[in-house]
Amino acid sequence: MKDYSYYQYMKTRTDEQSEAGTLSDFIKNDSMFPKQETDYQKISEYLERNPYPDITLTTFDETYRDYQDWLNH
């Protein structure tokens, strides 16, 4: 199993032409994003308090599931 943060995973999605890619770009440019965090609840709470334009928490949920799959492969 890999030992990477959600932020590190999302950097692999940068420049995708998708909602995940858009979320990745926002996260990459957010100096306050918890870059070392792996915990779903803590990241979700951060995104609820600091929403990005036109990004839903559903997109976060989907990318977090992808992140978990990525860690296990």
PDB file of N, CA and C in Angstrom:
ATOM      1  N   MET A   1       0.845  -1.189   0.000  1.00  0.00           N
ATOM      2  CA  MET A   1       0.000   0.000   0.000  1.00  0.00           C
ATOM      3  C   MET A   1       0.888   1.250   0.000  1.00  0.00           C
ATOM      4  N   LYS A   2       0.520   2.200  -0.824  1.00  0.00           N
ATOM      5  CA  LYS A   2       1.265   3.456  -0.903  1.00  0.00           C
ATOM      6  C   LYS A   2       0.983   4.317   0.320  1.00  0.00           C
ATOM      7  N   ASP A   3       1.893   5.218   0.611  1.00  0.00           N
ATOM      8  CA  ASP A   3       1.740   6.121   1.750  1.00  0.00           C
ATOM      9  C   ASP A   3       1.832   7.562   1.256  1.00  0.00           C
ATOM     10  N   TYR A   4       0.756   8.023   0.606  1.00  0.00           N
ATOM     11  CA  TYR A   4       0.709   9.371   0.068  1.00  0.00           C
ATOM     12  C   TYR A   4      -0.539  10.083   0.564  1.00  0.00           C
ATOM     13  N   SER A   5      -0.443  11.392   0.651  1.00  0.00           N
ATOM     14  CA  SER A   5      -1.603  12.179   1.063  1.00  0.00           C
ATOM     15  C   SER A   5      -2.565  12.338  -0.107  1.00  0.00           C
ATOM     16  N   TYR A   6      -3.775  12.756   0.219  1.00  0.00           N
ATOM     17  CA  TYR A   6      -4.779  13.045  -0.811  1.00  0.00           C
ATOM     18  C   TYR A   6      -4.255  14.125  -1.756  1.00  0.00           C
ATOM     19  N   TYR A   7      -3.595  15.127  -1.209  1.00  0.00           N
ATOM     20  CA  TYR A   7      -3.021  16.200  -2.022  1.00  0.00           C
ATOM     21  C   TYR A   7      -2.041  15.628  -3.057  1.00  0.00           C
ATOM     22  N   GLN A   8      -1.179  14.735  -2.619  1.00  0.00           N
ATOM     23  CA  GLN A   8      -0.209  14.144  -3.540  1.00  0.00           C
ATOM     24  C   GLN A   8      -0.916  13.365  -4.649  1.00  0.00           C
ATOM     25  N   TYR A   9      -1.970  12.655  -4.290  1.00  0.00           N
ATOM     26  CA  TYR A   9      -2.752  11.951  -5.307  1.00  0.00           C
ATOM     27  C   TYR A   9      -3.369  12.939  -6.291  1.00  0.00           C
ATOM     28  N   MET A  10      -3.970  13.999  -5.767  1.00  0.00           N
ATOM     29  CA  MET A  10      -4.661  14.951  -6.644  1.00  0.00           C
ATOM     30  C   MET A  10      -3.696  15.638  -7.606  1.00  0.00           C
ATOM     31  N   LYS A  11      -2.444  15.764  -7.244  1.00  0.00           N
ATOM     32  CA  LYS A  11      -1.461  16.337  -8.164  1.00  0.00           C
ATOM     33  C   LYS A  11      -1.332  15.480  -9.417  1.00  0.00           C
ATOM     34  N   THR A  12      -1.650  14.185  -9.317  1.00  0.00           N
ATOM     35  CA  THR A  12      -1.592  13.318 -10.493  1.00  0.00           C
ATOM     36  C   THR A  12      -2.768  13.576 -11.427  1.00  0.00           C
ATOM     37  N   ARG A  13      -3.777  14.298 -10.945  1.00  0.00           N
ATOM     38  CA  ARG A  13      -4.979  14.570 -11.748  1.00  0.00           C
ATOM     39  C   ARG A  13      -4.961  15.972 -12.359  1.00  0.00           C
ATOM     40  N   THR A  14      -3.906  16.729 -12.129  1.00  0.00           N
ATOM     41  CA  THR A  14      -3.796  18.090 -12.641  1.00  0.00           C
ATOM     42  C   THR A  14      -3.880  18.099 -14.158  1.00  0.00           C
ATOM     43  N   ASP A  15      -4.558  19.088 -14.678  1.00  0.00           N
ATOM     44  CA  ASP A  15      -4.707  19.316 -16.122  1.00  0.00           C
ATOM     45  C   ASP A  15      -5.635  18.332 -16.820  1.00  0.00           C
ATOM     46  N   GLU A  16      -6.297  17.446 -16.071  1.00  0.00           N
ATOM     47  CA  GLU A  16      -7.324  16.606 -16.684  1.00  0.00           C
ATOM     48  C   GLU A  16      -8.484  17.496 -17.106  1.00  0.00           C
ATOM     49  N   GLN A  17      -9.119  17.140 -18.184  1.00  0.00           N
ATOM     50  CA  GLN A  17     -10.309  17.861 -18.638  1.00  0.00           C
ATOM     51  C   GLN A  17     -11.532  17.199 -18.011  1.00  0.00           C
ATOM     52  N   SER A  18     -11.666  17.370 -16.697  1.00  0.00           N
ATOM     53  CA  SER A  18     -12.753  16.751 -15.937  1.00  0.00           C
ATOM     54  C   SER A  18     -12.966  17.558 -14.661  1.00  0.00           C
ATOM     55  N   GLU A  19     -14.031  17.223 -13.948  1.00  0.00           N
ATOM     56  CA  GLU A  19     -14.265  17.884 -12.659  1.00  0.00           C
ATOM     57  C   GLU A  19     -13.133  17.562 -11.689  1.00  0.00           C
ATOM     58  N   ALA A  20     -12.616  16.349 -11.746  1.00  0.00           N
ATOM     59  CA  ALA A  20     -11.487  15.980 -10.887  1.00  0.00           C
ATOM     60  C   ALA A  20     -10.268  16.827 -11.212  1.00  0.00           C
ATOM     61  N   GLY A  21     -10.037  17.072 -12.487  1.00  0.00           N
ATOM     62  CA  GLY A  21      -8.918  17.916 -12.896  1.00  0.00           C
ATOM     63  C   GLY A  21      -9.085  19.346 -12.415  1.00  0.00           C
ATOM     64  N   THR A  22     -10.319  19.846 -12.488  1.00  0.00           N
ATOM     65  CA  THR A  22     -10.600  21.198 -12.001  1.00  0.00           C
ATOM     66  C   THR A  22     -10.371  21.274 -10.498  1.00  0.00           C
ATOM     67  N   LEU A  23     -10.866  20.275  -9.763  1.00  0.00           N
ATOM     68  CA  LEU A  23     -10.645  20.234  -8.318  1.00  0.00           C
ATOM     69  C   LEU A  23      -9.149  20.179  -8.023  1.00  0.00           C
ATOM     70  N   SER A  24      -8.423  19.373  -8.763  1.00  0.00           N
ATOM     71  CA  SER A  24      -6.978  19.267  -8.576  1.00  0.00           C
ATOM     72  C   SER A  24      -6.297  20.619  -8.759  1.00  0.00           C
ATOM     73  N   ASP A  25      -6.699  21.361  -9.787  1.00  0.00           N
ATOM     74  CA  ASP A  25      -6.110  22.677 -10.024  1.00  0.00           C
ATOM     75  C   ASP A  25      -6.393  23.632  -8.865  1.00  0.00           C
ATOM     76  N   PHE A  26      -7.624  23.609  -8.347  1.00  0.00           N
ATOM     77  CA  PHE A  26      -7.947  24.460  -7.199  1.00  0.00           C
ATOM     78  C   PHE A  26      -7.102  24.087  -5.987  1.00  0.00           C
ATOM     79  N   ILE A  27      -7.011  22.776  -5.712  1.00  0.00           N
ATOM     80  CA  ILE A  27      -6.243  22.309  -4.554  1.00  0.00           C
ATOM     81  C   ILE A  27      -4.772  22.711  -4.695  1.00  0.00           C
ATOM     82  N   LYS A  28      -4.223  22.516  -5.885  1.00  0.00           N
ATOM     83  CA  LYS A  28      -2.815  22.839  -6.126  1.00  0.00           C
ATOM     84  C   LYS A  28      -2.518  24.319  -5.862  1.00  0.00           C
ATOM     85  N   ASN A  29      -3.483  25.177  -6.155  1.00  0.00           N
ATOM     86  CA  ASN A  29      -3.289  26.620  -5.999  1.00  0.00           C
ATOM     87  C   ASN A  29      -3.760  27.173  -4.653  1.00  0.00           C
ATOM     88  N   ASP A  30      -4.247  26.287  -3.775  1.00  0.00           N
ATOM     89  CA  ASP A  30      -4.757  26.698  -2.459  1.00  0.00           C
ATOM     90  C   ASP A  30      -3.651  26.520  -1.424  1.00  0.00           C
ATOM     91  N   SER A  31      -3.022  27.625  -1.029  1.00  0.00           N
ATOM     92  CA  SER A  31      -1.891  27.536  -0.094  1.00  0.00           C
ATOM     93  C   SER A  31      -2.296  27.041   1.296  1.00  0.00           C
ATOM     94  N   MET A  32      -3.585  27.082   1.622  1.00  0.00           N
ATOM     95  CA  MET A  32      -4.049  26.645   2.935  1.00  0.00           C
ATOM     96  C   MET A  32      -4.558  25.199   2.948  1.00  0.00           C
ATOM     97  N   PHE A  33      -4.630  24.561   1.778  1.00  0.00           N
ATOM     98  CA  PHE A  33      -5.125  23.184   1.735  1.00  0.00           C
ATOM     99  C   PHE A  33      -4.236  22.295   2.594  1.00  0.00           C
ATOM    100  N   PRO A  34      -4.849  21.383   3.379  1.00  0.00           N
ATOM    101  CA  PRO A  34      -4.062  20.502   4.261  1.00  0.00           C
ATOM    102  C   PRO A  34      -3.301  19.441   3.452  1.00  0.00           C
ATOM    103  N   LYS A  35      -2.122  19.786   3.022  1.00  0.00           N
ATOM    104  CA  LYS A  35      -1.357  18.987   2.062  1.00  0.00           C
ATOM    105  C   LYS A  35      -0.909  17.617   2.581  1.00  0.00           C
ATOM    106  N   GLN A  36      -0.786  17.452   3.861  1.00  0.00           N
ATOM    107  CA  GLN A  36      -0.335  16.173   4.412  1.00  0.00           C
ATOM    108  C   GLN A  36      -1.486  15.269   4.845  1.00  0.00           C
ATOM    109  N   GLU A  37      -2.702  15.748   4.709  1.00  0.00           N
ATOM    110  CA  GLU A  37      -3.866  15.034   5.245  1.00  0.00           C
ATOM    111  C   GLU A  37      -4.245  13.828   4.392  1.00  0.00           C
ATOM    112  N   THR A  38      -4.660  12.775   5.083  1.00  0.00           N
ATOM    113  CA  THR A  38      -5.158  11.570   4.430  1.00  0.00           C
ATOM    114  C   THR A  38      -6.594  11.254   4.863  1.00  0.00           C
ATOM    115  N   ASP A  39      -7.051  11.880   5.921  1.00  0.00           N
ATOM    116  CA  ASP A  39      -8.342  11.564   6.529  1.00  0.00           C
ATOM    117  C   ASP A  39      -9.512  12.213   5.764  1.00  0.00           C
ATOM    118  N   TYR A  40     -10.455  11.380   5.358  1.00  0.00           N
ATOM    119  CA  TYR A  40     -11.622  11.849   4.598  1.00  0.00           C
ATOM    120  C   TYR A  40     -12.358  12.966   5.329  1.00  0.00           C
ATOM    121  N   GLN A  41     -12.661  12.748   6.593  1.00  0.00           N
ATOM    122  CA  GLN A  41     -13.473  13.708   7.347  1.00  0.00           C
ATOM    123  C   GLN A  41     -12.786  15.068   7.444  1.00  0.00           C
ATOM    124  N   LYS A  42     -11.512  15.085   7.710  1.00  0.00           N
ATOM    125  CA  LYS A  42     -10.789  16.346   7.850  1.00  0.00           C
ATOM    126  C   LYS A  42     -10.720  17.104   6.526  1.00  0.00           C
ATOM    127  N   ILE A  43     -10.491  16.395   5.434  1.00  0.00           N
ATOM    128  CA  ILE A  43     -10.454  17.063   4.132  1.00  0.00           C
ATOM    129  C   ILE A  43     -11.838  17.564   3.759  1.00  0.00           C
ATOM    130  N   SER A  44     -12.845  16.747   4.004  1.00  0.00           N
ATOM    131  CA  SER A  44     -14.224  17.133   3.705  1.00  0.00           C
ATOM    132  C   SER A  44     -14.619  18.387   4.480  1.00  0.00           C
ATOM    133  N   GLU A  45     -14.275  18.439   5.741  1.00  0.00           N
ATOM    134  CA  GLU A  45     -14.585  19.619   6.559  1.00  0.00           C
ATOM    135  C   GLU A  45     -13.873  20.855   6.021  1.00  0.00           C
ATOM    136  N   TYR A  46     -12.636  20.695   5.595  1.00  0.00           N
ATOM    137  CA  TYR A  46     -11.906  21.825   5.020  1.00  0.00           C
ATOM    138  C   TYR A  46     -12.632  22.340   3.773  1.00  0.00           C
ATOM    139  N   LEU A  47     -13.029  21.416   2.906  1.00  0.00           N
ATOM    140  CA  LEU A  47     -13.703  21.815   1.670  1.00  0.00           C
ATOM    141  C   LEU A  47     -15.088  22.415   1.930  1.00  0.00           C
ATOM    142  N   GLU A  48     -15.754  21.958   2.973  1.00  0.00           N
ATOM    143  CA  GLU A  48     -17.046  22.556   3.335  1.00  0.00           C
ATOM    144  C   GLU A  48     -16.858  23.990   3.825  1.00  0.00           C
ATOM    145  N   ARG A  49     -15.805  24.235   4.570  1.00  0.00           N
ATOM    146  CA  ARG A  49     -15.535  25.579   5.089  1.00  0.00           C
ATOM    147  C   ARG A  49     -14.935  26.505   4.027  1.00  0.00           C
ATOM    148  N   ASN A  50     -14.301  25.920   3.028  1.00  0.00           N
ATOM    149  CA  ASN A  50     -13.598  26.689   1.992  1.00  0.00           C
ATOM    150  C   ASN A  50     -13.978  26.161   0.610  1.00  0.00           C
ATOM    151  N   PRO A  51     -15.230  26.343   0.204  1.00  0.00           N
ATOM    152  CA  PRO A  51     -15.665  25.761  -1.077  1.00  0.00           C
ATOM    153  C   PRO A  51     -14.997  26.429  -2.275  1.00  0.00           C
ATOM    154  N   TYR A  52     -14.786  25.623  -3.306  1.00  0.00           N
ATOM    155  CA  TYR A  52     -14.252  26.123  -4.570  1.00  0.00           C
ATOM    156  C   TYR A  52     -15.421  26.369  -5.519  1.00  0.00           C
ATOM    157  N   PRO A  53     -15.319  27.383  -6.375  1.00  0.00           N
ATOM    158  CA  PRO A  53     -16.414  27.679  -7.303  1.00  0.00           C
ATOM    159  C   PRO A  53     -16.692  26.495  -8.240  1.00  0.00           C
ATOM    160  N   ASP A  54     -17.964  26.187  -8.390  1.00  0.00           N
ATOM    161  CA  ASP A  54     -18.430  25.164  -9.340  1.00  0.00           C
ATOM    162  C   ASP A  54     -17.918  23.753  -9.050  1.00  0.00           C
ATOM    163  N   ILE A  55     -17.467  23.500  -7.838  1.00  0.00           N
ATOM    164  CA  ILE A  55     -17.035  22.156  -7.438  1.00  0.00           C
ATOM    165  C   ILE A  55     -17.955  21.672  -6.325  1.00  0.00           C
ATOM    166  N   THR A  56     -18.518  20.478  -6.511  1.00  0.00           N
ATOM    167  CA  THR A  56     -19.400  19.920  -5.490  1.00  0.00           C
ATOM    168  C   THR A  56     -18.631  18.942  -4.614  1.00  0.00           C
ATOM    169  N   LEU A  57     -19.185  18.668  -3.452  1.00  0.00           N
ATOM    170  CA  LEU A  57     -18.544  17.681  -2.585  1.00  0.00           C
ATOM    171  C   LEU A  57     -18.655  16.282  -3.182  1.00  0.00           C
ATOM    172  N   THR A  58     -19.580  16.085  -4.102  1.00  0.00           N
ATOM    173  CA  THR A  58     -19.665  14.799  -4.804  1.00  0.00           C
ATOM    174  C   THR A  58     -18.378  14.541  -5.576  1.00  0.00           C
ATOM    175  N   THR A  59     -17.828  15.575  -6.183  1.00  0.00           N
ATOM    176  CA  THR A  59     -16.555  15.431  -6.897  1.00  0.00           C
ATOM    177  C   THR A  59     -15.463  15.019  -5.919  1.00  0.00           C
ATOM    178  N   PHE A  60     -15.448  15.635  -4.746  1.00  0.00           N
ATOM    179  CA  PHE A  60     -14.469  15.233  -3.725  1.00  0.00           C
ATOM    180  C   PHE A  60     -14.682  13.777  -3.338  1.00  0.00           C
ATOM    181  N   ASP A  61     -15.930  13.382  -3.083  1.00  0.00           N
ATOM    182  CA  ASP A  61     -16.214  11.995  -2.694  1.00  0.00           C
ATOM    183  C   ASP A  61     -15.687  11.018  -3.735  1.00  0.00           C
ATOM    184  N   GLU A  62     -15.934  11.310  -5.009  1.00  0.00           N
ATOM    185  CA  GLU A  62     -15.482  10.425  -6.084  1.00  0.00           C
ATOM    186  C   GLU A  62     -13.960  10.363  -6.146  1.00  0.00           C
ATOM    187  N   THR A  63     -13.312  11.510  -6.025  1.00  0.00           N
ATOM    188  CA  THR A  63     -11.846  11.501  -6.101  1.00  0.00           C
ATOM    189  C   THR A  63     -11.236  10.859  -4.864  1.00  0.00           C
ATOM    190  N   TYR A  64     -11.914  10.966  -3.727  1.00  0.00           N
ATOM    191  CA  TYR A  64     -11.382  10.313  -2.523  1.00  0.00           C
ATOM    192  C   TYR A  64     -11.459   8.794  -2.680  1.00  0.00           C
ATOM    193  N   ARG A  65     -12.538   8.294  -3.275  1.00  0.00           N
ATOM    194  CA  ARG A  65     -12.631   6.849  -3.546  1.00  0.00           C
ATOM    195  C   ARG A  65     -11.524   6.428  -4.519  1.00  0.00           C
ATOM    196  N   ASP A  66     -11.302   7.259  -5.556  1.00  0.00           N
ATOM    197  CA  ASP A  66     -10.218   6.972  -6.502  1.00  0.00           C
ATOM    198  C   ASP A  66      -8.864   6.974  -5.785  1.00  0.00           C
ATOM    199  N   TYR A  67      -8.684   7.910  -4.879  1.00  0.00           N
ATOM    200  CA  TYR A  67      -7.453   8.005  -4.077  1.00  0.00           C
ATOM    201  C   TYR A  67      -7.234   6.720  -3.278  1.00  0.00           C
ATOM    202  N   GLN A  68      -8.278   6.229  -2.633  1.00  0.00           N
ATOM    203  CA  GLN A  68      -8.148   4.998  -1.862  1.00  0.00           C
ATOM    204  C   GLN A  68      -7.779   3.812  -2.763  1.00  0.00           C
ATOM    205  N   ASP A  69      -8.404   3.735  -3.933  1.00  0.00           N
ATOM    206  CA  ASP A  69      -8.060   2.667  -4.880  1.00  0.00           C
ATOM    207  C   ASP A  69      -6.604   2.793  -5.323  1.00  0.00           C
ATOM    208  N   TRP A  70      -6.186   4.012  -5.607  1.00  0.00           N
ATOM    209  CA  TRP A  70      -4.818   4.290  -6.044  1.00  0.00           C
ATOM    210  C   TRP A  70      -3.815   3.861  -4.976  1.00  0.00           C
ATOM    211  N   LEU A  71      -4.137   4.119  -3.706  1.00  0.00           N
ATOM    212  CA  LEU A  71      -3.234   3.723  -2.618  1.00  0.00           C
ATOM    213  C   LEU A  71      -3.044   2.211  -2.559  1.00  0.00           C
ATOM    214  N   ASN A  72      -4.081   1.483  -2.907  1.00  0.00           N
ATOM    215  CA  ASN A  72      -4.058   0.030  -2.772  1.00  0.00           C
ATOM    216  C   ASN A  72      -3.538  -0.704  -3.990  1.00  0.00           C
ATOM    217  N   HIS A  73      -3.135   0.023  -5.024  1.00  0.00           N
ATOM    218  CA  HIS A  73      -2.616  -0.634  -6.241  1.00  0.00           C
ATOM    219  C   HIS A  73      -1.184  -0.253  -6.509  1.00  0.00           C
TER     220      HIS A  73
END
